[in-house]
Amino acid sequence: MVKNKTENEITNTLLALEVAALERWGKGDPYGFLEISDKDVVYFDPFIESRIDGLENLTAHYEKLKGQISIDHFDILNPCFQGINNIYVLTYNFVSFTNGKESKWNCTEVYENKEGEWKIIQTHWSFTMVNEG
């Protein structure tokens, strides 16, 4: 698929936002994601029973995780962008490494451009299936 210059600029911007937030996350700082999340964000991950609605509730959840996460390094694999107008969906496989242990995830982020600023309006994290040989 050939992207035009504007699409390339958007996808580069969104990937940079995601990488910067993940870098902070890996140092125990969840505020990178909170700063790029919309006030009406919705959030799913496999460690919580139900969806989290709104930035205020996500902030309360992340406060419990502050300083608890440590990632030596990570890779974003297979990033895929699908977008129209002011909404873009980013999906990717996330692999993190901590103390020699590897953790694999799937991530979907839905970004909306509101008043010239890209914000996450929906996040979904899940485990990547592990094939036992």
N, C-alpha and C. Protein backbone atom coordinates (compact mmCIF):
# COMPACT_ATOMS: atom_id res chain seq x y z
N MET A 1 0.84 -1.17 0.00
CA MET A 1 0.00 0.00 0.00
C MET A 1 0.89 1.24 0.00
N VAL A 2 0.64 2.15 -0.90
CA VAL A 2 1.40 3.39 -0.99
C VAL A 2 0.67 4.47 -0.18
N LYS A 3 1.41 5.10 0.70
CA LYS A 3 0.84 6.16 1.52
C LYS A 3 1.27 7.50 0.98
N ASN A 4 0.39 8.48 1.11
CA ASN A 4 0.79 9.82 0.71
C ASN A 4 1.58 10.48 1.84
N LYS A 5 2.12 11.64 1.56
CA LYS A 5 2.97 12.32 2.53
C LYS A 5 2.24 12.57 3.85
N THR A 6 1.00 13.01 3.78
CA THR A 6 0.24 13.28 5.01
C THR A 6 0.06 12.01 5.82
N GLU A 7 -0.28 10.90 5.17
CA GLU A 7 -0.44 9.64 5.90
C GLU A 7 0.87 9.22 6.54
N ASN A 8 1.97 9.37 5.83
CA ASN A 8 3.26 9.04 6.41
C ASN A 8 3.58 9.91 7.62
N GLU A 9 3.27 11.18 7.53
CA GLU A 9 3.50 12.09 8.66
C GLU A 9 2.66 11.66 9.86
N ILE A 10 1.41 11.30 9.62
CA ILE A 10 0.53 10.87 10.71
C ILE A 10 1.05 9.59 11.35
N THR A 11 1.36 8.59 10.53
CA THR A 11 1.82 7.32 11.10
C THR A 11 3.15 7.48 11.82
N ASN A 12 4.05 8.30 11.30
CA ASN A 12 5.31 8.56 11.99
C ASN A 12 5.07 9.25 13.33
N THR A 13 4.14 10.19 13.36
CA THR A 13 3.80 10.90 14.60
C THR A 13 3.23 9.94 15.63
N LEU A 14 2.28 9.11 15.20
CA LEU A 14 1.63 8.18 16.13
C LEU A 14 2.62 7.14 16.66
N LEU A 15 3.48 6.64 15.80
CA LEU A 15 4.47 5.67 16.25
C LEU A 15 5.45 6.32 17.24
N ALA A 16 5.82 7.55 16.99
CA ALA A 16 6.72 8.27 17.91
C ALA A 16 6.04 8.48 19.27
N LEU A 17 4.76 8.83 19.27
CA LEU A 17 4.03 8.98 20.53
C LEU A 17 4.01 7.67 21.31
N GLU A 18 3.74 6.59 20.59
CA GLU A 18 3.66 5.27 21.22
C GLU A 18 5.01 4.84 21.79
N VAL A 19 6.07 5.00 21.02
CA VAL A 19 7.41 4.62 21.48
C VAL A 19 7.81 5.43 22.70
N ALA A 20 7.57 6.73 22.67
CA ALA A 20 7.93 7.58 23.81
C ALA A 20 7.18 7.16 25.07
N ALA A 21 5.89 6.85 24.93
CA ALA A 21 5.10 6.41 26.08
C ALA A 21 5.60 5.06 26.59
N LEU A 22 5.93 4.15 25.69
CA LEU A 22 6.44 2.84 26.09
C LEU A 22 7.80 2.96 26.77
N GLU A 23 8.64 3.86 26.31
CA GLU A 23 9.93 4.06 26.96
C GLU A 23 9.75 4.52 28.40
N ARG A 24 8.82 5.42 28.62
CA ARG A 24 8.54 5.88 29.98
C ARG A 24 7.93 4.75 30.81
N TRP A 25 7.00 4.00 30.20
CA TRP A 25 6.35 2.88 30.88
C TRP A 25 7.42 1.89 31.38
N GLY A 26 8.40 1.60 30.54
CA GLY A 26 9.45 0.65 30.89
C GLY A 26 10.35 1.12 32.02
N LYS A 27 10.25 2.39 32.36
CA LYS A 27 11.01 2.95 33.48
C LYS A 27 10.11 3.18 34.69
N GLY A 28 8.90 2.59 34.66
CA GLY A 28 7.98 2.70 35.78
C GLY A 28 7.14 3.96 35.79
N ASP A 29 7.12 4.68 34.67
CA ASP A 29 6.39 5.95 34.56
C ASP A 29 5.20 5.82 33.62
N PRO A 30 3.99 5.63 34.15
CA PRO A 30 2.81 5.47 33.29
C PRO A 30 2.28 6.78 32.72
N TYR A 31 2.86 7.90 33.13
CA TYR A 31 2.29 9.18 32.71
C TYR A 31 2.48 9.47 31.23
N GLY A 32 3.43 8.80 30.59
CA GLY A 32 3.57 8.97 29.14
C GLY A 32 2.28 8.59 28.42
N PHE A 33 1.67 7.50 28.83
CA PHE A 33 0.39 7.10 28.23
C PHE A 33 -0.75 7.99 28.69
N LEU A 34 -0.75 8.36 29.94
CA LEU A 34 -1.84 9.22 30.44
C LEU A 34 -1.84 10.56 29.72
N GLU A 35 -0.67 11.10 29.45
CA GLU A 35 -0.57 12.40 28.78
C GLU A 35 -1.08 12.38 27.34
N ILE A 36 -1.08 11.21 26.71
CA ILE A 36 -1.56 11.14 25.33
C ILE A 36 -2.93 10.46 25.24
N SER A 37 -3.58 10.25 26.39
CA SER A 37 -4.91 9.65 26.40
C SER A 37 -5.97 10.72 26.53
N ASP A 38 -7.08 10.50 25.84
CA ASP A 38 -8.22 11.41 25.88
C ASP A 38 -8.95 11.28 27.22
N LYS A 39 -9.66 12.31 27.60
CA LYS A 39 -10.42 12.27 28.86
C LYS A 39 -11.47 11.16 28.86
N ASP A 40 -11.93 10.74 27.67
CA ASP A 40 -12.95 9.68 27.57
C ASP A 40 -12.36 8.34 27.12
N VAL A 41 -11.06 8.14 27.32
CA VAL A 41 -10.40 6.91 26.91
C VAL A 41 -11.09 5.68 27.52
N VAL A 42 -11.08 4.58 26.78
CA VAL A 42 -11.49 3.29 27.33
C VAL A 42 -10.31 2.34 27.21
N TYR A 43 -10.19 1.43 28.20
CA TYR A 43 -8.97 0.64 28.33
C TYR A 43 -9.29 -0.79 28.74
N PHE A 44 -8.68 -1.74 28.04
CA PHE A 44 -8.77 -3.16 28.39
C PHE A 44 -7.37 -3.73 28.54
N ASP A 45 -7.17 -4.59 29.52
CA ASP A 45 -5.98 -5.43 29.55
C ASP A 45 -6.32 -6.71 30.30
N PRO A 46 -5.53 -7.78 30.11
CA PRO A 46 -5.90 -9.08 30.69
C PRO A 46 -5.75 -9.17 32.20
N PHE A 47 -5.19 -8.15 32.83
CA PHE A 47 -5.04 -8.18 34.28
C PHE A 47 -6.19 -7.54 35.03
N ILE A 48 -7.14 -7.00 34.29
CA ILE A 48 -8.29 -6.38 34.95
C ILE A 48 -9.57 -7.06 34.48
N GLU A 49 -10.55 -7.08 35.36
CA GLU A 49 -11.78 -7.83 35.10
C GLU A 49 -12.68 -7.15 34.08
N SER A 50 -12.72 -5.84 34.09
CA SER A 50 -13.63 -5.15 33.17
C SER A 50 -12.95 -3.92 32.59
N ARG A 51 -13.61 -3.33 31.64
CA ARG A 51 -13.09 -2.14 30.96
C ARG A 51 -12.95 -0.98 31.95
N ILE A 52 -11.92 -0.17 31.75
CA ILE A 52 -11.76 1.07 32.50
C ILE A 52 -12.26 2.19 31.61
N ASP A 53 -13.14 3.01 32.13
CA ASP A 53 -13.71 4.13 31.38
C ASP A 53 -13.20 5.45 31.93
N GLY A 54 -12.61 6.25 31.05
CA GLY A 54 -12.23 7.61 31.41
C GLY A 54 -10.82 7.75 31.95
N LEU A 55 -10.25 8.91 31.67
CA LEU A 55 -8.88 9.20 32.08
C LEU A 55 -8.72 9.21 33.59
N GLU A 56 -9.70 9.69 34.29
CA GLU A 56 -9.62 9.74 35.75
C GLU A 56 -9.47 8.32 36.33
N ASN A 57 -10.28 7.38 35.84
CA ASN A 57 -10.20 6.00 36.32
C ASN A 57 -8.92 5.30 35.85
N LEU A 58 -8.48 5.60 34.63
CA LEU A 58 -7.24 5.01 34.14
C LEU A 58 -6.06 5.54 34.96
N THR A 59 -6.09 6.81 35.30
CA THR A 59 -5.04 7.39 36.13
C THR A 59 -4.98 6.69 37.48
N ALA A 60 -6.13 6.44 38.09
CA ALA A 60 -6.17 5.73 39.38
C ALA A 60 -5.58 4.33 39.24
N HIS A 61 -5.89 3.65 38.15
CA HIS A 61 -5.34 2.31 37.91
C HIS A 61 -3.83 2.38 37.73
N TYR A 62 -3.35 3.31 36.91
CA TYR A 62 -1.93 3.43 36.64
C TYR A 62 -1.14 3.88 37.87
N GLU A 63 -1.77 4.64 38.75
CA GLU A 63 -1.09 5.09 39.98
C GLU A 63 -0.60 3.89 40.77
N LYS A 64 -1.37 2.79 40.76
CA LYS A 64 -0.99 1.59 41.49
C LYS A 64 0.22 0.91 40.84
N LEU A 65 0.45 1.19 39.55
CA LEU A 65 1.55 0.56 38.82
C LEU A 65 2.81 1.42 38.78
N LYS A 66 2.69 2.66 39.18
CA LYS A 66 3.82 3.60 39.13
C LYS A 66 5.01 3.02 39.88
N GLY A 67 6.16 2.97 39.20
CA GLY A 67 7.37 2.46 39.79
C GLY A 67 7.47 0.95 39.85
N GLN A 68 6.43 0.24 39.41
CA GLN A 68 6.40 -1.22 39.49
C GLN A 68 6.87 -1.91 38.21
N ILE A 69 6.95 -1.18 37.10
CA ILE A 69 7.29 -1.76 35.81
C ILE A 69 8.75 -1.45 35.50
N SER A 70 9.46 -2.45 35.03
CA SER A 70 10.84 -2.26 34.61
C SER A 70 11.08 -3.11 33.36
N ILE A 71 11.45 -2.46 32.28
CA ILE A 71 11.72 -3.15 31.02
C ILE A 71 13.12 -2.74 30.57
N ASP A 72 13.95 -3.75 30.30
CA ASP A 72 15.31 -3.48 29.84
C ASP A 72 15.30 -2.91 28.42
N HIS A 73 14.54 -3.56 27.54
CA HIS A 73 14.34 -3.04 26.18
C HIS A 73 13.12 -3.73 25.58
N PHE A 74 12.63 -3.17 24.48
CA PHE A 74 11.43 -3.72 23.85
C PHE A 74 11.51 -3.55 22.34
N ASP A 75 10.65 -4.31 21.67
CA ASP A 75 10.50 -4.20 20.22
C ASP A 75 9.03 -4.05 19.89
N ILE A 76 8.74 -3.19 18.94
CA ILE A 76 7.42 -3.09 18.34
C ILE A 76 7.51 -3.80 17.00
N LEU A 77 6.73 -4.86 16.85
CA LEU A 77 6.77 -5.67 15.64
C LEU A 77 5.47 -5.53 14.85
N ASN A 78 5.58 -5.58 13.57
CA ASN A 78 4.42 -5.59 12.66
C ASN A 78 3.44 -4.43 12.88
N PRO A 79 3.92 -3.21 13.06
CA PRO A 79 2.95 -2.12 13.24
C PRO A 79 2.09 -1.96 11.99
N CYS A 80 0.81 -1.79 12.22
CA CYS A 80 -0.14 -1.62 11.12
C CYS A 80 -1.03 -0.42 11.46
N PHE A 81 -1.15 0.48 10.51
CA PHE A 81 -2.00 1.66 10.68
C PHE A 81 -3.17 1.58 9.72
N GLN A 82 -4.34 1.84 10.24
CA GLN A 82 -5.53 1.96 9.41
C GLN A 82 -6.21 3.24 9.84
N GLY A 83 -6.49 4.11 8.90
CA GLY A 83 -7.05 5.39 9.30
C GLY A 83 -7.94 6.01 8.26
N ILE A 84 -8.76 6.89 8.75
CA ILE A 84 -9.62 7.71 7.90
C ILE A 84 -9.88 9.02 8.64
N ASN A 85 -9.68 10.09 7.93
CA ASN A 85 -9.89 11.43 8.49
C ASN A 85 -9.09 11.62 9.77
N ASN A 86 -9.77 11.80 10.89
CA ASN A 86 -9.08 12.11 12.14
C ASN A 86 -9.00 10.92 13.11
N ILE A 87 -9.25 9.69 12.61
CA ILE A 87 -9.18 8.49 13.43
C ILE A 87 -8.17 7.53 12.81
N TYR A 88 -7.22 7.07 13.61
CA TYR A 88 -6.26 6.06 13.15
C TYR A 88 -6.17 4.95 14.18
N VAL A 89 -6.11 3.73 13.69
CA VAL A 89 -5.94 2.55 14.53
C VAL A 89 -4.52 2.04 14.32
N LEU A 90 -3.80 1.85 15.41
CA LEU A 90 -2.47 1.28 15.39
C LEU A 90 -2.54 -0.08 16.08
N THR A 91 -2.14 -1.13 15.37
CA THR A 91 -2.01 -2.44 15.98
C THR A 91 -0.57 -2.90 15.83
N TYR A 92 -0.08 -3.60 16.84
CA TYR A 92 1.29 -4.12 16.77
C TYR A 92 1.48 -5.24 17.78
N ASN A 93 2.55 -5.99 17.58
CA ASN A 93 3.00 -6.97 18.56
C ASN A 93 4.10 -6.31 19.36
N PHE A 94 4.04 -6.48 20.65
CA PHE A 94 5.00 -5.87 21.57
C PHE A 94 5.77 -6.99 22.25
N VAL A 95 7.08 -6.89 22.22
CA VAL A 95 7.94 -7.87 22.90
C VAL A 95 8.85 -7.08 23.84
N SER A 96 8.77 -7.41 25.12
CA SER A 96 9.63 -6.74 26.09
C SER A 96 10.57 -7.74 26.72
N PHE A 97 11.69 -7.23 27.19
CA PHE A 97 12.73 -8.05 27.78
C PHE A 97 13.11 -7.44 29.13
N THR A 98 13.02 -8.26 30.18
CA THR A 98 13.38 -7.83 31.52
C THR A 98 14.15 -8.95 32.19
N ASN A 99 15.35 -8.66 32.61
CA ASN A 99 16.21 -9.65 33.29
C ASN A 99 16.27 -10.96 32.50
N GLY A 100 16.39 -10.85 31.19
CA GLY A 100 16.51 -12.03 30.35
C GLY A 100 15.20 -12.74 30.03
N LYS A 101 14.10 -12.26 30.59
CA LYS A 101 12.79 -12.86 30.32
C LYS A 101 12.07 -12.05 29.25
N GLU A 102 11.41 -12.79 28.37
CA GLU A 102 10.68 -12.18 27.26
C GLU A 102 9.18 -12.23 27.56
N SER A 103 8.49 -11.15 27.24
CA SER A 103 7.04 -11.07 27.39
C SER A 103 6.45 -10.59 26.07
N LYS A 104 5.41 -11.29 25.60
CA LYS A 104 4.83 -10.96 24.30
C LYS A 104 3.38 -10.54 24.44
N TRP A 105 3.05 -9.45 23.76
CA TRP A 105 1.72 -8.86 23.83
C TRP A 105 1.22 -8.47 22.45
N ASN A 106 -0.09 -8.32 22.37
CA ASN A 106 -0.74 -7.68 21.22
C ASN A 106 -1.28 -6.35 21.74
N CYS A 107 -1.22 -5.33 20.91
CA CYS A 107 -1.75 -4.03 21.32
C CYS A 107 -2.55 -3.40 20.19
N THR A 108 -3.65 -2.80 20.56
CA THR A 108 -4.44 -1.99 19.65
C THR A 108 -4.67 -0.64 20.31
N GLU A 109 -4.31 0.42 19.62
CA GLU A 109 -4.53 1.78 20.08
C GLU A 109 -5.36 2.51 19.03
N VAL A 110 -6.41 3.15 19.46
CA VAL A 110 -7.20 3.98 18.55
C VAL A 110 -6.91 5.44 18.92
N TYR A 111 -6.39 6.16 17.95
CA TYR A 111 -6.06 7.58 18.14
C TYR A 111 -7.07 8.45 17.40
N GLU A 112 -7.41 9.56 18.04
CA GLU A 112 -8.26 10.56 17.38
C GLU A 112 -7.55 11.90 17.45
N ASN A 113 -7.60 12.62 16.34
CA ASN A 113 -7.03 13.96 16.31
C ASN A 113 -8.11 14.93 16.75
N LYS A 114 -7.89 15.52 17.92
CA LYS A 114 -8.84 16.48 18.48
C LYS A 114 -8.13 17.82 18.59
N GLU A 115 -8.62 18.78 17.84
CA GLU A 115 -8.07 20.14 17.88
C GLU A 115 -6.56 20.13 17.61
N GLY A 116 -6.15 19.31 16.63
CA GLY A 116 -4.75 19.28 16.22
C GLY A 116 -3.83 18.43 17.07
N GLU A 117 -4.38 17.69 18.02
CA GLU A 117 -3.57 16.87 18.91
C GLU A 117 -4.09 15.44 18.88
N TRP A 118 -3.18 14.48 18.67
CA TRP A 118 -3.55 13.07 18.65
C TRP A 118 -3.67 12.55 20.08
N LYS A 119 -4.81 11.92 20.37
CA LYS A 119 -5.07 11.36 21.69
C LYS A 119 -5.57 9.92 21.55
N ILE A 120 -5.18 9.07 22.48
CA ILE A 120 -5.69 7.70 22.51
C ILE A 120 -7.11 7.73 23.05
N ILE A 121 -8.03 7.14 22.30
CA ILE A 121 -9.41 7.05 22.77
C ILE A 121 -9.79 5.62 23.16
N GLN A 122 -8.96 4.64 22.72
CA GLN A 122 -9.23 3.25 23.08
C GLN A 122 -7.92 2.48 23.08
N THR A 123 -7.69 1.69 24.12
CA THR A 123 -6.50 0.85 24.24
C THR A 123 -6.94 -0.56 24.57
N HIS A 124 -6.31 -1.52 23.92
CA HIS A 124 -6.60 -2.93 24.22
C HIS A 124 -5.29 -3.72 24.17
N TRP A 125 -4.93 -4.29 25.30
CA TRP A 125 -3.75 -5.15 25.41
C TRP A 125 -4.20 -6.58 25.65
N SER A 126 -3.53 -7.52 25.00
CA SER A 126 -3.79 -8.94 25.23
C SER A 126 -2.49 -9.70 25.11
N PHE A 127 -2.48 -10.91 25.67
CA PHE A 127 -1.30 -11.76 25.56
C PHE A 127 -1.22 -12.34 24.16
N THR A 128 0.00 -12.51 23.67
CA THR A 128 0.22 -13.20 22.41
C THR A 128 0.24 -14.70 22.70
N MET A 129 -0.46 -15.46 21.88
CA MET A 129 -0.53 -16.90 22.07
C MET A 129 0.88 -17.49 21.98
N VAL A 130 1.19 -18.38 22.87
CA VAL A 130 2.48 -19.05 22.88
C VAL A 130 2.29 -20.46 22.36
N ASN A 131 3.03 -20.80 21.33
CA ASN A 131 2.98 -22.16 20.79
C ASN A 131 3.99 -23.02 21.50
N GLU A 132 3.51 -24.03 22.14
CA GLU A 132 4.40 -24.97 22.83
C GLU A 132 4.84 -26.03 21.83
N GLY A 133 6.13 -26.20 21.65
CA GLY A 133 6.65 -27.14 20.66
C GLY A 133 6.69 -28.48 21.18
